[in-house]
N, C-alpha and C. Protein backbone atom coordinates (compact mmCIF):
# COMPACT_ATOMS: atom_id res chain seq x y z
N MET A 1 1.17 -11.02 17.88
CA MET A 1 2.16 -10.60 16.92
C MET A 1 1.72 -9.32 16.21
N ALA A 2 0.44 -9.19 15.89
CA ALA A 2 -0.04 -7.98 15.23
C ALA A 2 0.19 -6.76 16.10
N THR A 3 0.01 -6.92 17.42
CA THR A 3 0.25 -5.81 18.34
C THR A 3 1.71 -5.40 18.31
N LEU A 4 2.60 -6.38 18.25
CA LEU A 4 4.03 -6.10 18.21
C LEU A 4 4.38 -5.32 16.94
N ILE A 5 3.85 -5.73 15.82
CA ILE A 5 4.13 -5.05 14.55
C ILE A 5 3.57 -3.64 14.57
N SER A 6 2.37 -3.45 15.11
CA SER A 6 1.81 -2.10 15.15
C SER A 6 2.61 -1.20 16.08
N ARG A 7 3.15 -1.76 17.17
CA ARG A 7 4.01 -0.96 18.05
C ARG A 7 5.24 -0.47 17.30
N PHE A 8 5.78 -1.33 16.46
CA PHE A 8 6.96 -0.95 15.68
C PHE A 8 6.60 0.11 14.64
N THR A 9 5.55 -0.09 13.87
CA THR A 9 5.22 0.86 12.80
C THR A 9 4.69 2.17 13.36
N ASP A 10 4.14 2.16 14.56
CA ASP A 10 3.65 3.39 15.19
C ASP A 10 4.75 4.16 15.91
N ALA A 11 5.90 3.55 16.09
CA ALA A 11 6.99 4.18 16.83
C ALA A 11 7.52 5.39 16.06
N LYS A 12 7.67 6.50 16.74
CA LYS A 12 8.20 7.72 16.11
C LYS A 12 9.73 7.68 16.05
N ARG A 13 10.34 7.20 17.13
CA ARG A 13 11.81 7.19 17.22
C ARG A 13 12.26 5.76 17.48
N VAL A 14 13.11 5.23 16.58
CA VAL A 14 13.51 3.83 16.62
C VAL A 14 15.04 3.72 16.67
N VAL A 15 15.53 2.89 17.58
CA VAL A 15 16.95 2.55 17.64
C VAL A 15 17.10 1.12 17.12
N ILE A 16 17.99 0.93 16.15
CA ILE A 16 18.27 -0.39 15.59
C ILE A 16 19.71 -0.75 15.93
N LYS A 17 19.89 -1.84 16.65
CA LYS A 17 21.24 -2.33 16.97
C LYS A 17 21.56 -3.47 16.03
N ILE A 18 22.75 -3.41 15.41
CA ILE A 18 23.16 -4.41 14.44
C ILE A 18 24.38 -5.15 14.97
N GLY A 19 24.26 -6.47 15.06
CA GLY A 19 25.36 -7.30 15.52
C GLY A 19 26.43 -7.50 14.46
N SER A 20 27.65 -7.73 14.92
CA SER A 20 28.80 -7.93 14.01
C SER A 20 28.56 -9.05 13.01
N SER A 21 27.95 -10.14 13.46
CA SER A 21 27.78 -11.30 12.59
C SER A 21 26.86 -11.02 11.41
N LEU A 22 26.02 -10.00 11.52
CA LEU A 22 25.17 -9.62 10.39
C LEU A 22 25.92 -8.74 9.40
N LEU A 23 26.85 -7.95 9.90
CA LEU A 23 27.58 -7.00 9.06
C LEU A 23 28.84 -7.57 8.43
N VAL A 24 29.48 -8.50 9.13
CA VAL A 24 30.78 -9.00 8.69
C VAL A 24 30.69 -10.50 8.45
N ASP A 25 31.12 -10.92 7.27
CA ASP A 25 31.13 -12.34 6.92
C ASP A 25 32.21 -13.04 7.74
N SER A 26 31.81 -14.02 8.53
CA SER A 26 32.75 -14.70 9.42
C SER A 26 33.79 -15.53 8.66
N LYS A 27 33.48 -15.89 7.43
CA LYS A 27 34.41 -16.71 6.65
C LYS A 27 35.57 -15.90 6.09
N ASN A 28 35.27 -14.68 5.62
CA ASN A 28 36.34 -13.91 4.98
C ASN A 28 36.63 -12.57 5.66
N GLY A 29 35.86 -12.21 6.69
CA GLY A 29 36.12 -10.98 7.43
C GLY A 29 35.74 -9.71 6.70
N ARG A 30 34.99 -9.85 5.62
CA ARG A 30 34.61 -8.67 4.83
C ARG A 30 33.19 -8.22 5.16
N LEU A 31 32.94 -6.95 4.88
CA LEU A 31 31.61 -6.37 5.08
C LEU A 31 30.60 -7.05 4.17
N ARG A 32 29.44 -7.34 4.70
CA ARG A 32 28.35 -7.93 3.91
C ARG A 32 27.56 -6.77 3.28
N ARG A 33 28.07 -6.26 2.18
CA ARG A 33 27.50 -5.07 1.53
C ARG A 33 26.04 -5.27 1.12
N ASP A 34 25.71 -6.42 0.56
CA ASP A 34 24.34 -6.65 0.13
C ASP A 34 23.37 -6.56 1.30
N TRP A 35 23.79 -7.09 2.46
CA TRP A 35 22.94 -7.02 3.65
C TRP A 35 22.77 -5.57 4.08
N LEU A 36 23.87 -4.79 4.07
CA LEU A 36 23.80 -3.39 4.48
C LEU A 36 22.97 -2.57 3.49
N ILE A 37 23.04 -2.89 2.22
CA ILE A 37 22.21 -2.21 1.22
C ILE A 37 20.73 -2.48 1.49
N ALA A 38 20.38 -3.73 1.77
CA ALA A 38 18.98 -4.07 2.08
C ALA A 38 18.52 -3.33 3.34
N LEU A 39 19.37 -3.27 4.35
CA LEU A 39 19.02 -2.54 5.57
C LEU A 39 18.81 -1.05 5.27
N SER A 40 19.66 -0.48 4.44
CA SER A 40 19.53 0.95 4.12
C SER A 40 18.20 1.22 3.41
N GLN A 41 17.75 0.29 2.60
CA GLN A 41 16.45 0.45 1.94
C GLN A 41 15.32 0.40 2.96
N ASP A 42 15.44 -0.48 3.95
CA ASP A 42 14.44 -0.55 5.02
C ASP A 42 14.44 0.74 5.85
N ILE A 43 15.61 1.25 6.14
CA ILE A 43 15.71 2.50 6.90
C ILE A 43 15.08 3.64 6.11
N ALA A 44 15.31 3.68 4.81
CA ALA A 44 14.71 4.72 3.96
C ALA A 44 13.19 4.64 4.01
N LYS A 45 12.63 3.43 3.98
CA LYS A 45 11.18 3.26 4.08
C LYS A 45 10.66 3.78 5.42
N MET A 46 11.39 3.46 6.48
CA MET A 46 10.98 3.92 7.81
C MET A 46 10.98 5.44 7.87
N ARG A 47 12.00 6.05 7.32
CA ARG A 47 12.09 7.51 7.34
C ARG A 47 10.98 8.14 6.51
N ARG A 48 10.61 7.50 5.39
CA ARG A 48 9.49 8.01 4.58
C ARG A 48 8.18 7.94 5.35
N ARG A 49 8.07 6.97 6.27
CA ARG A 49 6.88 6.87 7.13
C ARG A 49 6.90 7.92 8.24
N GLY A 50 7.97 8.69 8.32
CA GLY A 50 8.08 9.72 9.34
C GLY A 50 8.80 9.27 10.60
N GLN A 51 9.41 8.09 10.56
CA GLN A 51 10.12 7.60 11.74
C GLN A 51 11.54 8.16 11.77
N GLU A 52 11.98 8.52 12.97
CA GLU A 52 13.38 8.89 13.18
C GLU A 52 14.13 7.62 13.53
N VAL A 53 15.27 7.41 12.88
CA VAL A 53 16.01 6.16 13.07
C VAL A 53 17.44 6.48 13.51
N LEU A 54 17.91 5.70 14.45
CA LEU A 54 19.30 5.75 14.90
C LEU A 54 19.82 4.32 14.87
N VAL A 55 21.06 4.14 14.44
CA VAL A 55 21.66 2.81 14.37
C VAL A 55 22.78 2.71 15.40
N VAL A 56 22.79 1.62 16.15
CA VAL A 56 23.94 1.27 16.99
C VAL A 56 24.59 0.08 16.29
N SER A 57 25.82 0.28 15.86
CA SER A 57 26.47 -0.70 15.00
C SER A 57 27.69 -1.34 15.64
N SER A 58 27.71 -2.64 15.63
CA SER A 58 28.91 -3.39 15.94
C SER A 58 29.67 -3.58 14.63
N GLY A 59 30.79 -4.28 14.69
CA GLY A 59 31.49 -4.66 13.47
C GLY A 59 32.87 -4.08 13.29
N SER A 60 33.24 -3.04 14.04
CA SER A 60 34.54 -2.42 13.79
C SER A 60 35.70 -3.37 14.11
N ILE A 61 35.62 -4.08 15.21
CA ILE A 61 36.71 -4.98 15.58
C ILE A 61 36.79 -6.14 14.58
N ALA A 62 35.64 -6.68 14.20
CA ALA A 62 35.63 -7.79 13.24
C ALA A 62 36.23 -7.36 11.89
N LEU A 63 35.88 -6.17 11.42
CA LEU A 63 36.46 -5.68 10.16
C LEU A 63 37.95 -5.41 10.31
N GLY A 64 38.32 -4.75 11.39
CA GLY A 64 39.72 -4.40 11.61
C GLY A 64 40.60 -5.62 11.78
N ARG A 65 40.06 -6.64 12.42
CA ARG A 65 40.81 -7.90 12.60
C ARG A 65 41.23 -8.44 11.24
N HIS A 66 40.31 -8.43 10.28
CA HIS A 66 40.61 -8.93 8.93
C HIS A 66 41.63 -8.02 8.24
N ILE A 67 41.42 -6.72 8.31
CA ILE A 67 42.31 -5.77 7.63
C ILE A 67 43.75 -5.90 8.15
N LEU A 68 43.88 -6.07 9.47
CA LEU A 68 45.21 -6.15 10.08
C LEU A 68 45.80 -7.57 10.07
N GLY A 69 45.02 -8.54 9.61
CA GLY A 69 45.50 -9.91 9.54
C GLY A 69 45.62 -10.59 10.89
N LEU A 70 44.78 -10.18 11.84
CA LEU A 70 44.79 -10.79 13.17
C LEU A 70 43.99 -12.09 13.14
N LYS A 71 44.48 -13.08 13.82
CA LYS A 71 43.82 -14.39 13.83
C LYS A 71 42.52 -14.34 14.63
N ASN A 72 41.72 -15.39 14.49
CA ASN A 72 40.43 -15.47 15.19
C ASN A 72 40.55 -15.84 16.66
N SER A 73 41.76 -15.98 17.15
CA SER A 73 41.95 -16.28 18.57
C SER A 73 41.67 -15.01 19.38
N PRO A 74 41.49 -15.15 20.70
CA PRO A 74 41.24 -13.96 21.52
C PRO A 74 42.35 -12.91 21.35
N LEU A 75 41.95 -11.65 21.30
CA LEU A 75 42.90 -10.56 21.11
C LEU A 75 43.30 -9.95 22.45
N ARG A 76 44.55 -9.49 22.52
CA ARG A 76 44.96 -8.67 23.66
C ARG A 76 44.24 -7.33 23.54
N LEU A 77 44.12 -6.59 24.64
CA LEU A 77 43.41 -5.31 24.64
C LEU A 77 43.96 -4.38 23.56
N GLU A 78 45.28 -4.29 23.45
CA GLU A 78 45.89 -3.39 22.46
C GLU A 78 45.54 -3.81 21.04
N GLU A 79 45.49 -5.10 20.78
CA GLU A 79 45.13 -5.59 19.45
C GLU A 79 43.66 -5.30 19.16
N SER A 80 42.83 -5.49 20.15
CA SER A 80 41.40 -5.20 20.00
C SER A 80 41.19 -3.71 19.70
N GLN A 81 41.90 -2.85 20.40
CA GLN A 81 41.78 -1.41 20.18
C GLN A 81 42.31 -1.03 18.80
N ALA A 82 43.41 -1.65 18.37
CA ALA A 82 43.95 -1.39 17.03
C ALA A 82 42.98 -1.86 15.96
N ALA A 83 42.39 -3.03 16.16
CA ALA A 83 41.39 -3.54 15.21
C ALA A 83 40.19 -2.61 15.15
N ALA A 84 39.74 -2.12 16.30
CA ALA A 84 38.60 -1.20 16.34
C ALA A 84 38.91 0.08 15.58
N ALA A 85 40.10 0.64 15.80
CA ALA A 85 40.48 1.88 15.12
C ALA A 85 40.53 1.69 13.61
N THR A 86 41.07 0.56 13.17
CA THR A 86 41.19 0.28 11.74
C THR A 86 39.82 -0.03 11.13
N GLY A 87 39.04 -0.83 11.82
CA GLY A 87 37.74 -1.22 11.30
C GLY A 87 36.70 -0.12 11.33
N GLN A 88 36.78 0.77 12.33
CA GLN A 88 35.76 1.81 12.47
C GLN A 88 35.72 2.74 11.27
N ILE A 89 36.88 3.08 10.74
CA ILE A 89 36.90 3.98 9.58
C ILE A 89 36.29 3.29 8.36
N GLN A 90 36.54 1.99 8.22
CA GLN A 90 35.94 1.24 7.12
C GLN A 90 34.43 1.15 7.29
N LEU A 91 34.00 0.90 8.51
CA LEU A 91 32.58 0.79 8.81
C LEU A 91 31.85 2.11 8.55
N ALA A 92 32.42 3.21 9.03
CA ALA A 92 31.81 4.52 8.83
C ALA A 92 31.72 4.85 7.34
N HIS A 93 32.79 4.54 6.61
CA HIS A 93 32.78 4.80 5.17
C HIS A 93 31.70 3.97 4.47
N ALA A 94 31.55 2.71 4.86
CA ALA A 94 30.52 1.86 4.25
C ALA A 94 29.13 2.41 4.51
N TYR A 95 28.85 2.80 5.75
CA TYR A 95 27.53 3.39 6.05
C TYR A 95 27.31 4.64 5.21
N GLN A 96 28.31 5.51 5.15
CA GLN A 96 28.16 6.76 4.40
C GLN A 96 27.91 6.48 2.92
N GLU A 97 28.70 5.60 2.35
CA GLU A 97 28.59 5.28 0.93
C GLU A 97 27.24 4.63 0.59
N ILE A 98 26.85 3.65 1.38
CA ILE A 98 25.63 2.89 1.07
C ILE A 98 24.37 3.70 1.36
N LEU A 99 24.34 4.44 2.46
CA LEU A 99 23.15 5.24 2.76
C LEU A 99 23.03 6.45 1.84
N ALA A 100 24.13 6.88 1.23
CA ALA A 100 24.07 7.95 0.23
C ALA A 100 23.22 7.53 -0.96
N LEU A 101 23.17 6.22 -1.25
CA LEU A 101 22.32 5.72 -2.34
C LEU A 101 20.85 6.02 -2.07
N GLU A 102 20.50 6.17 -0.79
CA GLU A 102 19.12 6.50 -0.39
C GLU A 102 18.99 7.98 -0.01
N ASN A 103 20.03 8.76 -0.30
CA ASN A 103 20.06 10.20 0.04
C ASN A 103 19.90 10.44 1.53
N ILE A 104 20.52 9.60 2.33
CA ILE A 104 20.46 9.74 3.79
C ILE A 104 21.84 10.15 4.29
N PRO A 105 21.94 11.36 4.86
CA PRO A 105 23.22 11.76 5.45
C PRO A 105 23.49 10.97 6.73
N VAL A 106 24.74 10.63 6.95
CA VAL A 106 25.13 9.79 8.08
C VAL A 106 26.06 10.57 9.00
N ALA A 107 25.90 10.35 10.29
CA ALA A 107 26.79 10.94 11.29
C ALA A 107 27.33 9.83 12.18
N GLN A 108 28.62 9.88 12.48
CA GLN A 108 29.23 8.88 13.36
C GLN A 108 29.34 9.45 14.77
N ILE A 109 28.93 8.65 15.76
CA ILE A 109 29.06 9.02 17.16
C ILE A 109 29.69 7.86 17.90
N LEU A 110 30.84 8.11 18.52
CA LEU A 110 31.54 7.10 19.30
C LEU A 110 31.41 7.47 20.77
N LEU A 111 30.85 6.56 21.56
CA LEU A 111 30.57 6.84 22.97
C LEU A 111 31.37 5.93 23.89
N THR A 112 31.58 6.41 25.10
CA THR A 112 32.12 5.61 26.19
C THR A 112 31.09 5.63 27.31
N PRO A 113 31.19 4.75 28.29
CA PRO A 113 30.21 4.76 29.38
C PRO A 113 30.06 6.12 30.06
N GLY A 114 31.13 6.87 30.15
CA GLY A 114 31.03 8.20 30.76
C GLY A 114 30.07 9.11 30.04
N ASP A 115 29.88 8.89 28.74
CA ASP A 115 28.98 9.73 27.95
C ASP A 115 27.51 9.47 28.27
N THR A 116 27.21 8.34 28.89
CA THR A 116 25.83 8.06 29.29
C THR A 116 25.66 8.08 30.80
N GLU A 117 26.76 8.18 31.54
CA GLU A 117 26.67 8.13 33.01
C GLU A 117 26.95 9.47 33.68
N GLU A 118 27.80 10.30 33.09
CA GLU A 118 28.09 11.61 33.67
C GLU A 118 27.12 12.63 33.09
N ARG A 119 26.41 13.32 33.96
CA ARG A 119 25.28 14.18 33.57
C ARG A 119 25.61 15.16 32.44
N ARG A 120 26.69 15.92 32.58
CA ARG A 120 27.03 16.93 31.58
C ARG A 120 27.29 16.28 30.22
N ARG A 121 28.04 15.20 30.21
CA ARG A 121 28.35 14.51 28.96
C ARG A 121 27.10 13.84 28.38
N TYR A 122 26.26 13.29 29.24
CA TYR A 122 24.98 12.69 28.83
C TYR A 122 24.12 13.73 28.10
N LEU A 123 23.96 14.90 28.72
CA LEU A 123 23.14 15.96 28.12
C LEU A 123 23.73 16.42 26.80
N ASN A 124 25.05 16.52 26.72
CA ASN A 124 25.70 16.93 25.48
C ASN A 124 25.49 15.89 24.38
N ALA A 125 25.68 14.61 24.72
CA ALA A 125 25.48 13.54 23.73
C ALA A 125 24.03 13.52 23.26
N ARG A 126 23.09 13.62 24.20
CA ARG A 126 21.67 13.62 23.85
C ARG A 126 21.34 14.80 22.94
N SER A 127 21.86 15.97 23.26
CA SER A 127 21.60 17.15 22.44
C SER A 127 22.15 16.98 21.02
N THR A 128 23.34 16.44 20.91
CA THR A 128 23.93 16.21 19.59
C THR A 128 23.10 15.22 18.78
N ILE A 129 22.71 14.12 19.41
CA ILE A 129 21.93 13.10 18.70
C ILE A 129 20.57 13.64 18.28
N THR A 130 19.87 14.32 19.17
CA THR A 130 18.54 14.84 18.81
C THR A 130 18.65 15.93 17.75
N THR A 131 19.73 16.71 17.77
CA THR A 131 19.93 17.71 16.72
C THR A 131 20.16 17.03 15.38
N LEU A 132 20.98 16.00 15.36
CA LEU A 132 21.21 15.25 14.12
C LEU A 132 19.90 14.68 13.57
N LEU A 133 19.09 14.10 14.45
CA LEU A 133 17.80 13.55 14.01
C LEU A 133 16.91 14.65 13.44
N SER A 134 16.87 15.81 14.09
CA SER A 134 16.02 16.90 13.61
C SER A 134 16.52 17.46 12.28
N LEU A 135 17.81 17.31 12.01
CA LEU A 135 18.37 17.78 10.74
C LEU A 135 18.29 16.72 9.64
N GLY A 136 17.71 15.57 9.95
CA GLY A 136 17.52 14.53 8.94
C GLY A 136 18.69 13.59 8.76
N ALA A 137 19.67 13.65 9.65
CA ALA A 137 20.82 12.74 9.55
C ALA A 137 20.51 11.44 10.28
N LEU A 138 21.20 10.40 9.89
CA LEU A 138 21.11 9.11 10.56
C LEU A 138 22.33 8.95 11.45
N PRO A 139 22.16 9.07 12.77
CA PRO A 139 23.30 8.83 13.66
C PRO A 139 23.64 7.34 13.69
N VAL A 140 24.92 7.03 13.50
CA VAL A 140 25.42 5.67 13.64
C VAL A 140 26.34 5.67 14.85
N VAL A 141 25.93 4.96 15.89
CA VAL A 141 26.62 4.98 17.18
C VAL A 141 27.38 3.67 17.37
N ASN A 142 28.56 3.78 17.96
CA ASN A 142 29.33 2.61 18.35
C ASN A 142 30.08 2.99 19.62
N GLU A 143 30.50 1.98 20.36
CA GLU A 143 31.35 2.26 21.50
C GLU A 143 32.72 2.69 20.98
N ASN A 144 33.34 3.64 21.66
CA ASN A 144 34.67 4.08 21.28
C ASN A 144 35.69 3.07 21.81
N ASP A 145 35.77 1.95 21.12
CA ASP A 145 36.61 0.83 21.56
C ASP A 145 38.09 1.15 21.56
N THR A 146 38.51 2.19 20.85
CA THR A 146 39.94 2.50 20.81
C THR A 146 40.43 3.09 22.12
N VAL A 147 39.54 3.64 22.94
CA VAL A 147 39.95 4.21 24.23
C VAL A 147 39.33 3.48 25.41
N ALA A 148 38.33 2.66 25.16
CA ALA A 148 37.66 1.95 26.26
C ALA A 148 38.54 0.80 26.74
N THR A 149 38.69 0.70 28.04
CA THR A 149 39.43 -0.41 28.63
C THR A 149 38.44 -1.38 29.25
N ILE A 150 38.93 -2.51 29.68
CA ILE A 150 38.05 -3.53 30.25
C ILE A 150 37.22 -2.97 31.39
N GLU A 151 37.82 -2.10 32.20
CA GLU A 151 37.12 -1.56 33.37
C GLU A 151 36.05 -0.55 33.00
N ILE A 152 36.19 0.12 31.85
CA ILE A 152 35.25 1.19 31.49
C ILE A 152 34.59 0.91 30.14
N ARG A 153 34.02 -0.25 29.99
CA ARG A 153 33.36 -0.62 28.74
C ARG A 153 31.90 -0.92 28.97
N TYR A 154 31.12 -0.75 27.92
CA TYR A 154 29.74 -1.24 27.97
C TYR A 154 29.76 -2.76 27.96
N GLY A 155 30.73 -3.32 27.30
CA GLY A 155 30.84 -4.77 27.24
C GLY A 155 30.25 -5.34 25.97
N ASP A 156 29.13 -4.83 25.55
CA ASP A 156 28.55 -5.21 24.27
C ASP A 156 27.62 -4.09 23.82
N ASN A 157 27.34 -4.08 22.54
CA ASN A 157 26.53 -2.99 22.01
C ASN A 157 25.04 -3.15 22.30
N ASP A 158 24.60 -4.31 22.79
CA ASP A 158 23.21 -4.43 23.23
C ASP A 158 22.98 -3.47 24.40
N ARG A 159 23.91 -3.46 25.32
CA ARG A 159 23.81 -2.57 26.49
C ARG A 159 23.91 -1.11 26.05
N LEU A 160 24.83 -0.82 25.14
CA LEU A 160 24.95 0.54 24.61
C LEU A 160 23.66 0.96 23.92
N ALA A 161 23.07 0.08 23.13
CA ALA A 161 21.81 0.40 22.44
C ALA A 161 20.71 0.72 23.43
N ALA A 162 20.63 -0.05 24.50
CA ALA A 162 19.61 0.21 25.53
C ALA A 162 19.83 1.58 26.17
N ARG A 163 21.08 1.91 26.45
CA ARG A 163 21.39 3.21 27.06
C ARG A 163 21.04 4.35 26.11
N VAL A 164 21.39 4.20 24.85
CA VAL A 164 21.10 5.24 23.86
C VAL A 164 19.59 5.38 23.66
N ALA A 165 18.88 4.26 23.59
CA ALA A 165 17.41 4.30 23.43
C ALA A 165 16.78 5.06 24.59
N GLN A 166 17.26 4.80 25.79
CA GLN A 166 16.75 5.52 26.96
C GLN A 166 17.12 6.99 26.88
N MET A 167 18.34 7.28 26.47
CA MET A 167 18.83 8.66 26.40
C MET A 167 17.97 9.52 25.49
N ILE A 168 17.56 8.98 24.35
CA ILE A 168 16.82 9.77 23.37
C ILE A 168 15.32 9.50 23.43
N THR A 169 14.89 8.83 24.48
CA THR A 169 13.48 8.44 24.67
C THR A 169 12.89 7.79 23.42
N ALA A 170 13.59 6.77 22.95
CA ALA A 170 13.12 6.02 21.77
C ALA A 170 11.84 5.27 22.12
N ASP A 171 10.98 5.12 21.13
CA ASP A 171 9.74 4.37 21.29
C ASP A 171 9.96 2.89 21.07
N CYS A 172 11.05 2.54 20.40
CA CYS A 172 11.28 1.15 20.02
C CYS A 172 12.78 0.89 19.90
N LEU A 173 13.21 -0.24 20.43
CA LEU A 173 14.59 -0.70 20.29
C LEU A 173 14.56 -2.06 19.62
N ILE A 174 15.24 -2.17 18.49
CA ILE A 174 15.29 -3.42 17.73
C ILE A 174 16.72 -3.94 17.78
N LEU A 175 16.88 -5.18 18.24
CA LEU A 175 18.20 -5.81 18.29
C LEU A 175 18.29 -6.83 17.16
N LEU A 176 19.08 -6.54 16.14
CA LEU A 176 19.26 -7.45 15.02
C LEU A 176 20.47 -8.32 15.28
N SER A 177 20.27 -9.63 15.16
CA SER A 177 21.32 -10.59 15.50
C SER A 177 21.10 -11.85 14.68
N ASP A 178 22.11 -12.71 14.68
CA ASP A 178 21.94 -14.01 14.03
C ASP A 178 21.50 -15.07 15.03
N VAL A 179 21.20 -14.66 16.25
CA VAL A 179 20.70 -15.58 17.27
C VAL A 179 19.21 -15.78 17.05
N ASP A 180 18.79 -17.04 16.97
CA ASP A 180 17.38 -17.34 16.73
C ASP A 180 16.53 -16.89 17.91
N GLY A 181 15.33 -16.41 17.60
CA GLY A 181 14.37 -16.09 18.66
C GLY A 181 13.80 -14.70 18.51
N LEU A 182 12.65 -14.50 19.11
CA LEU A 182 11.97 -13.23 19.11
C LEU A 182 11.38 -13.02 20.50
N TYR A 183 11.81 -11.96 21.15
CA TYR A 183 11.24 -11.63 22.46
C TYR A 183 10.05 -10.71 22.25
N THR A 184 8.93 -11.06 22.83
CA THR A 184 7.77 -10.18 22.83
C THR A 184 7.57 -9.58 24.21
N ALA A 185 8.41 -9.99 25.16
CA ALA A 185 8.41 -9.46 26.52
C ALA A 185 9.82 -9.69 27.07
N GLY A 186 10.06 -9.17 28.25
CA GLY A 186 11.38 -9.34 28.86
C GLY A 186 11.73 -10.82 29.00
N PRO A 187 13.01 -11.17 28.73
CA PRO A 187 13.40 -12.58 28.81
C PRO A 187 13.41 -13.10 30.25
């Protein structure tokens, strides 16, 4: 365990993926602001240690579902895209507002699989992200669910986080979830 912790604290570039269930209260569909404030304080500490941090955030569909009054039953593609569009603006605003308390500028990046699979788009996305990191901004990445269809989706943000971590040659990828367990090696 000590080796695992030292790998994390020694990492120069860290990608943190945040699951919807950590950001959005399942009972009322609202953002868990206290949790996001605590995370922003942790990110500020990491940045003071000299670590570059990027966040891959879920939560837009869960927030949008509540805002639009959509039930917890499975959504049609159009409803899911509408929820994502509505929730994403709320999510981006929350990150901007809360991280401003730590004087951390935030940038939103919405990606589709083509942005990590097509060479020209991959290089452009990587250049944008690394420029943001060098300028001291915190990139917050999410899948562009408003245009992604079932055939052209990452499917979940764990996969997106892995692709982004590889893209920017991150030293560490942290997956935050409400699922119990800790992997110290591949599952």
